[in-house]
């Protein structure tokens, strides 16, 4: 069973609280369920990290913790749940994983090396010696569907599943706007130039902590030249003859592709 200190922490929680338990990048299941009550978690033969406040939903308060061992429990990767859970549950799981990553990588101060502590009522870690404060960070990324009339520019990297293509994407670098990132990334990855860049929608992507900013952009000039070592293939595809792409129900890339293809077909 958990230590007396851990059981004391769990015993102080209201019965309505729900726990999200991770071991590294895997969600630990409670008899097949995603969430644990404080009482069901007390019996686990494992130690807990700090209980991090995730949010409130449906009248319940949600907390997340990392366990030091899997304790012989059934577990699932977060990626494997993308196709099977509700949007509300995925939002809670995504937020939990990102906050636990932040907590786990900031246990010690990057300025002086002293331990950090959570500050009550804030999502902030503070150094116990120099008082430097650490807040959760996200990494902004752009993902863009380049269009040319009834065609879209799609690419694949060696990391993709066989035959799958998607939009071009990349991290926003220091000093850049998202629009500047799009111009640079499209040029680097495909060799073409774009204009008429417009924002469509965003998506939190917890692998490990991205905020995906989805855009459309019009082709302006240039021939496709895939970036060596990064892009395995890139090509123009007619909206009525698309290769396998990410699901619109899971990925902003899929929604960009599906939305544009639908708008073209509706206009025909």
Protein backbone atom coordinates (compact mmCIF):
# COMPACT_ATOMS: atom_id res chain seq x y z
CA UNK A 1 0.00 0.00 0.00
CA UNK A 2 0.96 3.65 -0.32
CA UNK A 3 2.90 5.21 2.53
CA UNK A 4 1.17 6.75 5.51
CA UNK A 5 1.95 10.26 4.22
CA UNK A 6 0.40 9.50 0.82
CA UNK A 7 -2.66 7.88 2.39
CA UNK A 8 -3.04 10.92 4.64
CA UNK A 9 -3.03 13.22 1.61
CA UNK A 10 -5.61 11.06 -0.17
CA UNK A 11 -7.74 10.80 2.96
CA UNK A 12 -8.07 14.57 3.12
CA UNK A 13 -9.67 14.73 -0.32
CA UNK A 14 -13.43 14.89 -0.84
CA UNK A 15 -15.11 11.77 -2.23
CA UNK A 16 -16.11 13.74 -5.34
CA UNK A 17 -12.45 14.36 -6.30
CA UNK A 18 -11.18 12.34 -9.25
CA UNK A 19 -7.53 11.40 -9.75
CA UNK A 20 -5.64 10.94 -13.01
CA UNK A 21 -2.66 8.68 -12.39
CA UNK A 22 0.34 8.34 -14.69
CA UNK A 23 3.47 6.26 -14.74
CA UNK A 24 5.80 8.06 -17.15
CA UNK A 25 3.71 8.55 -20.32
CA UNK A 26 1.10 5.89 -19.57
CA UNK A 27 -2.26 6.40 -17.90
CA UNK A 28 -2.96 3.90 -15.14
CA UNK A 29 -6.47 2.47 -15.34
CA UNK A 30 -8.82 1.72 -12.47
CA UNK A 31 -10.54 -1.51 -13.56
CA UNK A 32 -10.63 -0.15 -17.09
CA UNK A 33 -11.68 3.36 -16.06
CA UNK A 34 -9.59 6.50 -16.57
CA UNK A 35 -10.25 8.14 -13.21
CA UNK A 36 -9.70 7.09 -9.61
CA UNK A 37 -11.48 8.05 -6.42
CA UNK A 38 -9.25 8.92 -3.44
CA UNK A 39 -10.39 5.74 -1.69
CA UNK A 40 -9.55 3.46 -4.63
CA UNK A 41 -6.10 5.06 -4.94
CA UNK A 42 -5.25 4.48 -1.26
CA UNK A 43 -4.76 0.75 -1.81
CA UNK A 44 -2.08 1.13 -4.51
CA UNK A 45 1.39 -0.16 -3.70
CA UNK A 46 3.11 2.93 -5.02
CA UNK A 47 4.23 6.40 -4.02
CA UNK A 48 2.66 9.51 -5.50
CA UNK A 49 4.23 12.73 -6.70
CA UNK A 50 2.58 15.98 -5.68
CA UNK A 51 -1.13 16.08 -6.46
CA UNK A 52 -1.50 18.74 -9.16
CA UNK A 53 -4.80 20.57 -9.64
CA UNK A 54 -6.03 20.04 -13.21
CA UNK A 55 -9.43 21.70 -13.15
CA UNK A 56 -13.11 21.20 -12.43
CA UNK A 57 -15.60 19.52 -14.73
CA UNK A 58 -19.11 18.21 -14.18
CA UNK A 59 -19.05 19.09 -10.50
CA UNK A 60 -15.84 17.17 -9.77
CA UNK A 61 -12.37 18.45 -9.02
CA UNK A 62 -9.60 16.67 -10.94
CA UNK A 63 -6.07 16.11 -9.67
CA UNK A 64 -3.12 14.37 -11.34
CA UNK A 65 -0.15 12.50 -9.92
CA UNK A 66 2.81 10.48 -11.14
CA UNK A 67 3.39 7.07 -9.55
CA UNK A 68 6.85 5.68 -8.89
CA UNK A 69 5.88 2.20 -10.18
CA UNK A 70 3.09 0.84 -12.36
CA UNK A 71 1.95 -1.34 -9.45
CA UNK A 72 0.86 -4.12 -11.82
CA UNK A 73 -1.95 -2.00 -13.24
CA UNK A 74 -3.40 -1.93 -16.72
CA UNK A 75 -2.19 1.15 -18.56
CA UNK A 76 -2.71 2.97 -21.85
CA UNK A 77 -0.68 5.52 -23.75
CA UNK A 78 -2.31 8.90 -24.24
CA UNK A 79 -1.96 8.56 -28.02
CA UNK A 80 -3.93 5.31 -27.96
CA UNK A 81 -6.88 7.13 -26.36
CA UNK A 82 -7.15 9.87 -28.98
CA UNK A 83 -9.67 7.92 -31.04
CA UNK A 84 -11.80 6.54 -28.21
CA UNK A 85 -12.45 9.18 -25.54
CA UNK A 86 -14.70 12.24 -25.31
CA UNK A 87 -13.29 15.70 -25.94
CA UNK A 88 -13.79 16.61 -22.27
CA UNK A 89 -11.87 13.56 -21.04
CA UNK A 90 -9.07 14.11 -23.55
CA UNK A 91 -8.75 17.73 -22.44
CA UNK A 92 -8.35 16.63 -18.82
CA UNK A 93 -5.84 13.89 -19.71
CA UNK A 94 -3.88 16.22 -21.97
CA UNK A 95 -3.67 18.94 -19.34
CA UNK A 96 -2.68 16.39 -16.69
CA UNK A 97 0.17 14.96 -18.77
CA UNK A 98 1.54 18.40 -19.64
CA UNK A 99 1.44 19.66 -16.05
CA UNK A 100 3.11 16.50 -14.77
CA UNK A 101 5.84 16.89 -17.39
CA UNK A 102 6.38 20.47 -16.25
CA UNK A 103 6.48 19.48 -12.58
CA UNK A 104 8.83 16.56 -13.20
CA UNK A 105 11.34 18.65 -15.17
CA UNK A 106 11.41 21.59 -12.73
CA UNK A 107 11.97 19.90 -9.38
CA UNK A 108 15.26 21.81 -9.07
CA UNK A 109 16.07 25.42 -9.84
CA UNK A 110 17.84 26.05 -13.12
CA UNK A 111 19.53 29.12 -11.60
CA UNK A 112 21.07 27.78 -8.38
CA UNK A 113 20.20 24.06 -8.30
CA UNK A 114 18.13 24.16 -5.10
CA UNK A 115 14.84 22.24 -4.76
CA UNK A 116 11.62 23.93 -5.86
CA UNK A 117 8.24 23.84 -4.14
CA UNK A 118 4.68 24.28 -5.37
CA UNK A 119 3.02 27.49 -4.26
CA UNK A 120 -0.48 27.04 -2.88
CA UNK A 121 -3.21 28.41 -5.14
CA UNK A 122 -0.92 28.97 -8.12
CA UNK A 123 0.44 26.91 -11.00
CA UNK A 124 3.97 27.89 -10.10
CA UNK A 125 7.12 26.30 -8.69
CA UNK A 126 9.41 28.50 -6.62
CA UNK A 127 13.06 27.95 -5.72
CA UNK A 128 13.55 27.46 -2.00
CA UNK A 129 16.82 29.42 -2.08
CA UNK A 130 16.77 32.18 -4.69
CA UNK A 131 12.96 32.41 -5.08
CA UNK A 132 13.09 32.14 -8.87
CA UNK A 133 9.65 31.22 -10.18
CA UNK A 134 8.84 28.60 -12.82
CA UNK A 135 5.50 28.56 -14.64
CA UNK A 136 4.16 25.91 -17.04
CA UNK A 137 5.22 26.56 -20.62
CA UNK A 138 3.78 25.56 -23.96
CA UNK A 139 5.59 25.37 -27.28
CA UNK A 140 3.78 27.21 -30.10
CA UNK A 141 3.79 25.43 -33.46
CA UNK A 142 2.24 26.28 -36.79
CA UNK A 143 0.57 23.78 -39.06
CA UNK A 144 -0.43 25.00 -42.50
CA UNK A 145 -2.34 23.65 -45.46
CA UNK A 146 -0.97 25.23 -48.64
CA UNK A 147 -3.63 25.40 -51.35
CA UNK A 148 -3.57 25.90 -55.13
CA UNK A 149 -7.10 26.00 -56.44
CA UNK A 150 -8.47 22.47 -56.21
CA UNK A 151 -5.12 21.09 -55.03
CA UNK A 152 -3.42 20.96 -51.65
CA UNK A 153 0.25 20.53 -50.79
CA UNK A 154 0.81 17.53 -48.52
CA UNK A 155 4.03 15.98 -47.29
CA UNK A 156 5.27 13.00 -45.34
CA UNK A 157 8.29 12.33 -43.17
CA UNK A 158 9.89 8.99 -42.43
CA UNK A 159 8.20 9.11 -38.99
CA UNK A 160 4.71 8.85 -40.51
CA UNK A 161 2.78 5.65 -40.91
CA UNK A 162 3.33 4.10 -44.33
CA UNK A 163 1.44 5.99 -47.02
CA UNK A 164 0.24 8.81 -44.75
CA UNK A 165 0.58 12.49 -45.64
CA UNK A 166 -0.18 15.64 -43.69
CA UNK A 167 0.20 19.43 -43.65
CA UNK A 168 3.54 21.18 -43.25
CA UNK A 169 4.36 22.18 -39.68
CA UNK A 170 7.09 23.57 -37.48
CA UNK A 171 7.94 25.32 -34.22
CA UNK A 172 7.74 29.09 -33.88
CA UNK A 173 11.28 30.33 -33.31
CA UNK A 174 12.29 33.15 -30.98
CA UNK A 175 11.45 36.53 -32.50
CA UNK A 176 9.06 35.13 -35.11
CA UNK A 177 5.35 35.66 -35.62
CA UNK A 178 3.32 32.60 -36.64
CA UNK A 179 3.01 34.05 -40.15
CA UNK A 180 6.78 34.40 -40.46
CA UNK A 181 7.19 30.83 -39.23
CA UNK A 182 4.82 29.61 -41.94
CA UNK A 183 6.74 31.40 -44.68
CA UNK A 184 10.04 29.98 -43.42
CA UNK A 185 8.85 26.44 -42.74
CA UNK A 186 7.06 26.07 -46.07
CA UNK A 187 10.11 27.39 -47.91
CA UNK A 188 12.49 25.10 -45.99
CA UNK A 189 10.39 21.96 -46.18
CA UNK A 190 8.95 22.23 -49.68
CA UNK A 191 10.76 25.00 -51.58
CA UNK A 192 7.58 26.95 -52.41
CA UNK A 193 6.49 30.47 -51.47
CA UNK A 194 3.07 31.35 -50.03
CA UNK A 195 0.88 34.35 -49.35
CA UNK A 196 -2.64 35.16 -48.07
CA UNK A 197 -1.92 33.37 -44.79
CA UNK A 198 -5.02 33.14 -42.59
CA UNK A 199 -5.65 31.59 -39.21
CA UNK A 200 -8.30 28.85 -38.91
CA UNK A 201 -8.15 27.11 -35.51
CA UNK A 202 -5.86 25.76 -32.80
CA UNK A 203 -5.34 22.55 -30.84
CA UNK A 204 -3.51 21.60 -27.68
CA UNK A 205 -1.18 18.69 -28.47
CA UNK A 206 0.42 17.05 -25.43
CA UNK A 207 3.37 15.35 -27.16
CA UNK A 208 4.94 16.72 -25.10
CA UNK A 209 3.49 20.23 -24.76
CA UNK A 210 2.57 21.93 -28.03
CA UNK A 211 -0.06 24.47 -28.99
CA UNK A 212 -0.81 23.85 -32.66
CA UNK A 213 -1.91 26.95 -34.58
CA UNK A 214 -3.70 25.92 -37.77
CA UNK A 215 -3.57 28.07 -40.92
CA UNK A 216 -4.42 28.08 -44.61
CA UNK A 217 -2.07 29.71 -47.13
CA UNK A 218 -2.21 30.22 -50.88
CA UNK A 219 0.54 28.97 -53.17
CA UNK A 220 2.45 31.87 -54.74
CA UNK A 221 5.47 30.46 -56.60
CA UNK A 222 8.16 27.80 -56.77
CA UNK A 223 8.57 24.11 -57.52
CA UNK A 224 8.39 21.46 -54.81
CA UNK A 225 11.81 20.47 -53.48
CA UNK A 226 11.46 18.28 -50.35
CA UNK A 227 13.88 19.17 -47.55
CA UNK A 228 16.57 16.44 -47.36
CA UNK A 229 16.53 14.48 -44.12
CA UNK A 230 13.23 16.00 -43.03
CA UNK A 231 10.64 15.48 -45.78
CA UNK A 232 10.48 12.09 -47.46
CA UNK A 233 7.97 13.21 -50.09
CA UNK A 234 5.79 16.22 -50.89
CA UNK A 235 3.29 16.65 -53.69
CA UNK A 236 0.14 18.39 -54.89
CA UNK A 237 -3.04 16.35 -54.44
CA UNK A 238 -6.47 17.06 -55.89
CA UNK A 239 -9.13 17.28 -53.18
CA UNK A 240 -10.95 14.36 -54.82
CA UNK A 241 -7.85 12.17 -54.80
CA UNK A 242 -6.27 12.57 -51.37
CA UNK A 243 -3.86 10.07 -49.78
CA UNK A 244 -4.42 8.77 -46.24
CA UNK A 245 -4.27 11.76 -43.86
CA UNK A 246 -4.81 12.34 -40.11
CA UNK A 247 -8.36 11.97 -38.85
CA UNK A 248 -10.35 15.20 -38.61
CA UNK A 249 -11.79 13.90 -35.35
CA UNK A 250 -8.35 13.86 -33.73
CA UNK A 251 -6.02 16.31 -35.45
CA UNK A 252 -6.19 19.93 -36.54
CA UNK A 253 -4.29 18.81 -39.66
CA UNK A 254 -7.17 16.52 -40.58
CA UNK A 255 -9.71 19.29 -40.02
CA UNK A 256 -7.76 21.73 -42.20
CA UNK A 257 -7.61 19.19 -45.02
CA UNK A 258 -11.22 18.05 -44.68
CA UNK A 259 -12.56 21.58 -44.34
CA UNK A 260 -10.77 22.90 -47.41
CA UNK A 261 -11.67 19.86 -49.51
CA UNK A 262 -15.33 20.28 -48.55
CA UNK A 263 -15.30 23.97 -49.47
CA UNK A 264 -13.85 23.19 -52.91
CA UNK A 265 -16.36 20.42 -53.59
CA UNK A 266 -19.25 22.63 -52.49
CA UNK A 267 -18.12 25.31 -54.94
CA UNK A 268 -17.99 22.94 -57.93
